[in-house]
Amino acid sequence: MTDSGPTAGTPDKLPVRMLNDRILVKVDAEGDRRSTGGILIPATAQMGKRLAWAEVRAKGPNVRAVEEGDHVLFNPEEVYEVEVRGETFIILRERDIHALASERLEAGHTGLYL
């Protein structure tokens, strides 16, 4: 039996579309980091409950506040990982996002800058 038709071949070649309120994000590099005092903190150090930043790569049609290229803050303990074309991404719901960082946001609303 041979493969034929539009789904023949590897699934890596199929286009991906996010549905509903789902957001596909790429986690920022998780390696060693430095404290504000200059102390090197290894990636394996336990930090308790720590939120993580990720860049939005795709979004579903019902996502309202987030755009592709934005950075979002989320809880990394409550995520689904998926591999697409050899890269690991995370799928979130819009309601699971705690904060948003973007150049398109108006200055003066938060008082914080990343």
N, C-alpha and C. Protein backbone atom coordinates (compact mmCIF):
# COMPACT_ATOMS: atom_id res chain seq x y z
N MET A 1 0.85 -1.16 0.00
CA MET A 1 0.00 0.00 0.00
C MET A 1 0.90 1.24 0.00
N THR A 2 0.62 2.20 -0.85
CA THR A 2 1.45 3.39 -0.96
C THR A 2 0.68 4.61 -0.49
N ASP A 3 1.42 5.62 -0.03
CA ASP A 3 0.81 6.87 0.39
C ASP A 3 0.54 7.74 -0.83
N SER A 4 -0.61 8.33 -0.89
CA SER A 4 -0.92 9.27 -1.97
C SER A 4 -1.96 10.25 -1.46
N GLY A 5 -2.16 11.30 -2.19
CA GLY A 5 -3.16 12.28 -1.81
C GLY A 5 -2.56 13.45 -1.06
N PRO A 6 -3.40 14.38 -0.60
CA PRO A 6 -2.90 15.61 0.01
C PRO A 6 -2.22 15.42 1.36
N THR A 7 -2.46 14.31 2.05
CA THR A 7 -1.83 14.12 3.36
C THR A 7 -0.64 13.19 3.29
N ALA A 8 -0.22 12.78 2.09
CA ALA A 8 0.93 11.89 1.96
C ALA A 8 2.20 12.62 2.36
N GLY A 9 3.20 11.90 2.84
CA GLY A 9 4.46 12.51 3.24
C GLY A 9 4.48 12.79 4.72
N THR A 10 5.38 13.68 5.12
CA THR A 10 5.55 13.96 6.54
C THR A 10 4.61 15.06 7.00
N PRO A 11 4.15 14.99 8.24
CA PRO A 11 3.27 16.03 8.76
C PRO A 11 3.99 17.36 8.95
N ASP A 12 5.34 17.37 8.89
CA ASP A 12 6.10 18.61 9.04
C ASP A 12 5.81 19.59 7.90
N LYS A 13 5.29 19.13 6.80
CA LYS A 13 5.08 19.97 5.63
C LYS A 13 3.69 20.59 5.58
N LEU A 14 2.82 20.26 6.53
CA LEU A 14 1.46 20.79 6.52
C LEU A 14 1.41 22.13 7.23
N PRO A 15 0.59 23.06 6.75
CA PRO A 15 0.43 24.35 7.45
C PRO A 15 -0.29 24.15 8.78
N VAL A 16 0.00 25.03 9.74
CA VAL A 16 -0.61 24.95 11.07
C VAL A 16 -1.39 26.24 11.31
N ARG A 17 -2.62 26.11 11.79
CA ARG A 17 -3.46 27.26 12.15
C ARG A 17 -3.94 27.07 13.57
N MET A 18 -3.78 28.09 14.39
CA MET A 18 -4.26 28.03 15.76
C MET A 18 -5.77 28.27 15.76
N LEU A 19 -6.48 27.61 16.65
CA LEU A 19 -7.93 27.70 16.72
C LEU A 19 -8.38 28.42 17.98
N ASN A 20 -9.56 29.00 17.91
CA ASN A 20 -10.25 29.63 19.05
C ASN A 20 -9.36 30.63 19.78
N ASP A 21 -9.18 30.44 21.10
CA ASP A 21 -8.41 31.39 21.90
C ASP A 21 -7.00 30.88 22.20
N ARG A 22 -6.49 29.99 21.35
CA ARG A 22 -5.17 29.39 21.58
C ARG A 22 -4.06 30.28 21.01
N ILE A 23 -2.91 30.25 21.69
CA ILE A 23 -1.75 31.03 21.31
C ILE A 23 -0.54 30.11 21.29
N LEU A 24 0.24 30.17 20.22
CA LEU A 24 1.46 29.39 20.09
C LEU A 24 2.63 30.31 20.44
N VAL A 25 3.44 29.93 21.43
CA VAL A 25 4.55 30.77 21.87
C VAL A 25 5.85 30.01 21.84
N LYS A 26 6.94 30.74 21.67
CA LYS A 26 8.29 30.19 21.73
C LYS A 26 8.92 30.74 23.00
N VAL A 27 9.34 29.87 23.90
CA VAL A 27 9.91 30.28 25.18
C VAL A 27 11.24 30.97 24.96
N ASP A 28 11.44 32.08 25.65
CA ASP A 28 12.73 32.78 25.61
C ASP A 28 13.81 31.83 26.10
N ALA A 29 15.03 32.06 25.71
CA ALA A 29 16.15 31.19 26.06
C ALA A 29 16.19 30.95 27.56
N GLU A 30 16.20 29.67 27.91
CA GLU A 30 16.28 29.30 29.32
C GLU A 30 17.66 28.75 29.62
N GLY A 31 18.53 29.61 30.07
CA GLY A 31 19.87 29.19 30.42
C GLY A 31 20.26 29.84 31.72
N ASP A 32 21.56 29.91 31.94
CA ASP A 32 22.03 30.60 33.13
C ASP A 32 21.64 32.07 33.04
N ARG A 33 21.38 32.68 34.17
CA ARG A 33 21.03 34.10 34.18
C ARG A 33 21.79 34.77 35.32
N ARG A 34 21.84 36.08 35.28
CA ARG A 34 22.54 36.85 36.30
C ARG A 34 21.55 37.66 37.11
N SER A 35 21.80 37.75 38.40
CA SER A 35 20.98 38.60 39.26
C SER A 35 21.38 40.05 39.00
N THR A 36 20.61 40.99 39.54
CA THR A 36 20.95 42.40 39.36
C THR A 36 22.27 42.75 40.03
N GLY A 37 22.69 41.96 40.99
CA GLY A 37 23.98 42.16 41.66
C GLY A 37 25.14 41.49 40.94
N GLY A 38 24.86 40.78 39.84
CA GLY A 38 25.92 40.16 39.05
C GLY A 38 26.20 38.72 39.40
N ILE A 39 25.41 38.12 40.27
CA ILE A 39 25.62 36.71 40.66
C ILE A 39 25.05 35.81 39.59
N LEU A 40 25.85 34.81 39.15
CA LEU A 40 25.41 33.86 38.13
C LEU A 40 24.49 32.83 38.77
N ILE A 41 23.28 32.68 38.21
CA ILE A 41 22.30 31.71 38.70
C ILE A 41 22.17 30.62 37.66
N PRO A 42 22.58 29.37 37.97
CA PRO A 42 22.50 28.28 36.99
C PRO A 42 21.05 27.98 36.59
N ALA A 43 20.87 27.48 35.38
CA ALA A 43 19.54 27.14 34.87
C ALA A 43 18.88 26.06 35.71
N THR A 44 19.68 25.25 36.40
CA THR A 44 19.13 24.15 37.19
C THR A 44 18.72 24.57 38.60
N ALA A 45 18.94 25.82 38.98
CA ALA A 45 18.60 26.29 40.32
C ALA A 45 17.09 26.31 40.52
N GLN A 46 16.64 25.85 41.67
CA GLN A 46 15.22 25.87 42.01
C GLN A 46 14.85 27.28 42.46
N MET A 47 13.83 27.85 41.85
CA MET A 47 13.44 29.22 42.16
C MET A 47 12.04 29.30 42.76
N GLY A 48 11.44 28.19 43.10
CA GLY A 48 10.07 28.22 43.57
C GLY A 48 9.14 28.44 42.38
N LYS A 49 7.99 29.01 42.64
CA LYS A 49 7.05 29.27 41.55
C LYS A 49 7.49 30.53 40.81
N ARG A 50 7.91 30.36 39.58
CA ARG A 50 8.42 31.46 38.79
C ARG A 50 7.70 31.48 37.44
N LEU A 51 7.19 32.64 37.06
CA LEU A 51 6.55 32.79 35.76
C LEU A 51 7.63 32.95 34.69
N ALA A 52 7.27 32.69 33.43
CA ALA A 52 8.23 32.74 32.33
C ALA A 52 7.69 33.63 31.21
N TRP A 53 8.62 34.20 30.43
CA TRP A 53 8.28 35.00 29.27
C TRP A 53 8.42 34.17 28.01
N ALA A 54 7.58 34.45 27.02
CA ALA A 54 7.67 33.78 25.72
C ALA A 54 7.19 34.74 24.64
N GLU A 55 7.66 34.51 23.42
CA GLU A 55 7.25 35.33 22.28
C GLU A 55 6.10 34.66 21.54
N VAL A 56 5.09 35.42 21.21
CA VAL A 56 3.93 34.90 20.49
C VAL A 56 4.31 34.71 19.03
N ARG A 57 4.09 33.49 18.51
CA ARG A 57 4.40 33.17 17.12
C ARG A 57 3.16 33.02 16.27
N ALA A 58 2.03 32.62 16.88
CA ALA A 58 0.77 32.47 16.15
C ALA A 58 -0.38 32.57 17.14
N LYS A 59 -1.55 32.97 16.64
CA LYS A 59 -2.72 33.09 17.52
C LYS A 59 -3.97 32.68 16.77
N GLY A 60 -4.96 32.24 17.56
CA GLY A 60 -6.24 31.85 16.99
C GLY A 60 -7.11 33.07 16.70
N PRO A 61 -8.21 32.87 15.99
CA PRO A 61 -9.07 33.99 15.58
C PRO A 61 -9.81 34.67 16.73
N ASN A 62 -9.96 34.02 17.86
CA ASN A 62 -10.70 34.62 18.99
C ASN A 62 -9.79 35.28 20.02
N VAL A 63 -8.50 35.38 19.74
CA VAL A 63 -7.57 36.06 20.65
C VAL A 63 -7.70 37.55 20.41
N ARG A 64 -7.94 38.33 21.50
CA ARG A 64 -8.22 39.75 21.35
C ARG A 64 -7.07 40.67 21.73
N ALA A 65 -6.34 40.38 22.81
CA ALA A 65 -5.38 41.33 23.36
C ALA A 65 -3.93 41.09 22.92
N VAL A 66 -3.66 39.98 22.27
CA VAL A 66 -2.29 39.60 21.96
C VAL A 66 -2.09 39.58 20.45
N GLU A 67 -0.91 40.04 20.01
CA GLU A 67 -0.54 40.01 18.59
C GLU A 67 0.75 39.21 18.43
N GLU A 68 0.99 38.72 17.22
CA GLU A 68 2.23 38.00 16.95
C GLU A 68 3.41 38.94 17.18
N GLY A 69 4.46 38.44 17.82
CA GLY A 69 5.63 39.24 18.14
C GLY A 69 5.61 39.79 19.55
N ASP A 70 4.44 39.81 20.21
CA ASP A 70 4.36 40.26 21.60
C ASP A 70 5.06 39.26 22.51
N HIS A 71 5.44 39.70 23.70
CA HIS A 71 5.98 38.82 24.73
C HIS A 71 4.92 38.69 25.82
N VAL A 72 4.68 37.46 26.26
CA VAL A 72 3.66 37.20 27.27
C VAL A 72 4.27 36.50 28.47
N LEU A 73 3.67 36.76 29.63
CA LEU A 73 4.10 36.16 30.89
C LEU A 73 3.09 35.09 31.27
N PHE A 74 3.57 33.87 31.57
CA PHE A 74 2.68 32.75 31.87
C PHE A 74 3.32 31.82 32.89
N ASN A 75 2.53 30.91 33.43
CA ASN A 75 3.00 29.91 34.38
C ASN A 75 3.49 28.69 33.60
N PRO A 76 4.79 28.39 33.62
CA PRO A 76 5.31 27.27 32.83
C PRO A 76 4.91 25.89 33.36
N GLU A 77 4.26 25.84 34.53
CA GLU A 77 3.83 24.55 35.07
C GLU A 77 2.49 24.11 34.49
N GLU A 78 1.79 25.00 33.81
CA GLU A 78 0.45 24.70 33.29
C GLU A 78 0.40 24.88 31.78
N VAL A 79 1.26 24.14 31.05
CA VAL A 79 1.35 24.33 29.60
C VAL A 79 1.34 23.00 28.86
N TYR A 80 1.09 23.10 27.57
CA TYR A 80 1.20 21.96 26.66
C TYR A 80 2.31 22.27 25.68
N GLU A 81 3.28 21.36 25.56
CA GLU A 81 4.37 21.54 24.61
C GLU A 81 4.05 20.78 23.33
N VAL A 82 4.53 21.34 22.21
CA VAL A 82 4.35 20.70 20.91
C VAL A 82 5.58 20.98 20.07
N GLU A 83 5.95 20.01 19.23
CA GLU A 83 7.08 20.20 18.34
C GLU A 83 6.54 20.43 16.93
N VAL A 84 6.97 21.55 16.33
CA VAL A 84 6.57 21.89 14.97
C VAL A 84 7.83 22.16 14.17
N ARG A 85 8.04 21.37 13.13
CA ARG A 85 9.20 21.52 12.25
C ARG A 85 10.52 21.53 13.02
N GLY A 86 10.62 20.67 14.02
CA GLY A 86 11.86 20.52 14.77
C GLY A 86 12.05 21.52 15.90
N GLU A 87 11.12 22.46 16.09
CA GLU A 87 11.22 23.44 17.18
C GLU A 87 10.15 23.15 18.21
N THR A 88 10.46 23.38 19.48
CA THR A 88 9.50 23.16 20.55
C THR A 88 8.77 24.46 20.86
N PHE A 89 7.45 24.40 20.87
CA PHE A 89 6.60 25.54 21.18
C PHE A 89 5.67 25.17 22.33
N ILE A 90 4.99 26.16 22.87
CA ILE A 90 4.01 25.95 23.92
C ILE A 90 2.68 26.51 23.45
N ILE A 91 1.60 25.79 23.77
CA ILE A 91 0.26 26.26 23.44
C ILE A 91 -0.40 26.75 24.73
N LEU A 92 -0.89 27.98 24.70
CA LEU A 92 -1.55 28.59 25.84
C LEU A 92 -2.95 29.03 25.44
N ARG A 93 -3.79 29.26 26.42
CA ARG A 93 -5.06 29.95 26.21
C ARG A 93 -4.83 31.41 26.58
N GLU A 94 -5.60 32.30 25.98
CA GLU A 94 -5.43 33.72 26.28
C GLU A 94 -5.64 33.99 27.76
N ARG A 95 -6.55 33.30 28.38
CA ARG A 95 -6.84 33.53 29.80
C ARG A 95 -5.70 33.08 30.72
N ASP A 96 -4.75 32.28 30.22
CA ASP A 96 -3.62 31.82 31.02
C ASP A 96 -2.45 32.80 31.02
N ILE A 97 -2.59 33.92 30.32
CA ILE A 97 -1.52 34.91 30.25
C ILE A 97 -1.70 35.92 31.37
N HIS A 98 -0.61 36.19 32.09
CA HIS A 98 -0.65 37.10 33.23
C HIS A 98 -0.29 38.53 32.85
N ALA A 99 0.57 38.72 31.84
CA ALA A 99 0.99 40.06 31.44
C ALA A 99 1.43 40.04 29.99
N LEU A 100 1.50 41.23 29.41
CA LEU A 100 1.85 41.39 28.00
C LEU A 100 2.89 42.50 27.89
N ALA A 101 3.95 42.27 27.12
CA ALA A 101 4.95 43.29 26.85
C ALA A 101 5.04 43.46 25.34
N SER A 102 4.88 44.71 24.89
CA SER A 102 4.89 44.97 23.46
C SER A 102 5.21 46.43 23.21
N GLU A 103 5.89 46.72 22.10
CA GLU A 103 6.17 48.10 21.75
C GLU A 103 4.90 48.85 21.34
N ARG A 104 3.86 48.13 20.96
CA ARG A 104 2.64 48.78 20.50
C ARG A 104 1.78 49.31 21.66
N LEU A 105 2.10 48.91 22.90
CA LEU A 105 1.35 49.39 24.06
C LEU A 105 1.69 50.85 24.32
N GLU A 106 0.72 51.60 24.80
CA GLU A 106 0.93 53.02 25.08
C GLU A 106 1.81 53.19 26.31
N ALA A 107 2.74 54.12 26.22
CA ALA A 107 3.59 54.43 27.36
C ALA A 107 2.75 55.10 28.44
N GLY A 108 3.11 54.88 29.68
CA GLY A 108 2.40 55.53 30.77
C GLY A 108 1.32 54.69 31.42
N HIS A 109 0.97 53.55 30.84
CA HIS A 109 -0.08 52.74 31.42
C HIS A 109 0.42 51.84 32.55
N THR A 110 1.69 51.39 32.45
CA THR A 110 2.17 50.43 33.44
C THR A 110 3.23 51.01 34.37
N GLY A 111 4.06 51.89 33.85
CA GLY A 111 5.18 52.39 34.63
C GLY A 111 6.35 51.43 34.63
N LEU A 112 6.23 50.27 33.95
CA LEU A 112 7.28 49.28 33.88
C LEU A 112 7.79 49.17 32.45
N TYR A 113 9.07 48.90 32.30
CA TYR A 113 9.64 48.74 30.96
C TYR A 113 10.58 47.55 30.98
N LEU A 114 10.52 46.72 29.97
CA LEU A 114 11.39 45.56 29.88
C LEU A 114 12.44 45.79 28.82
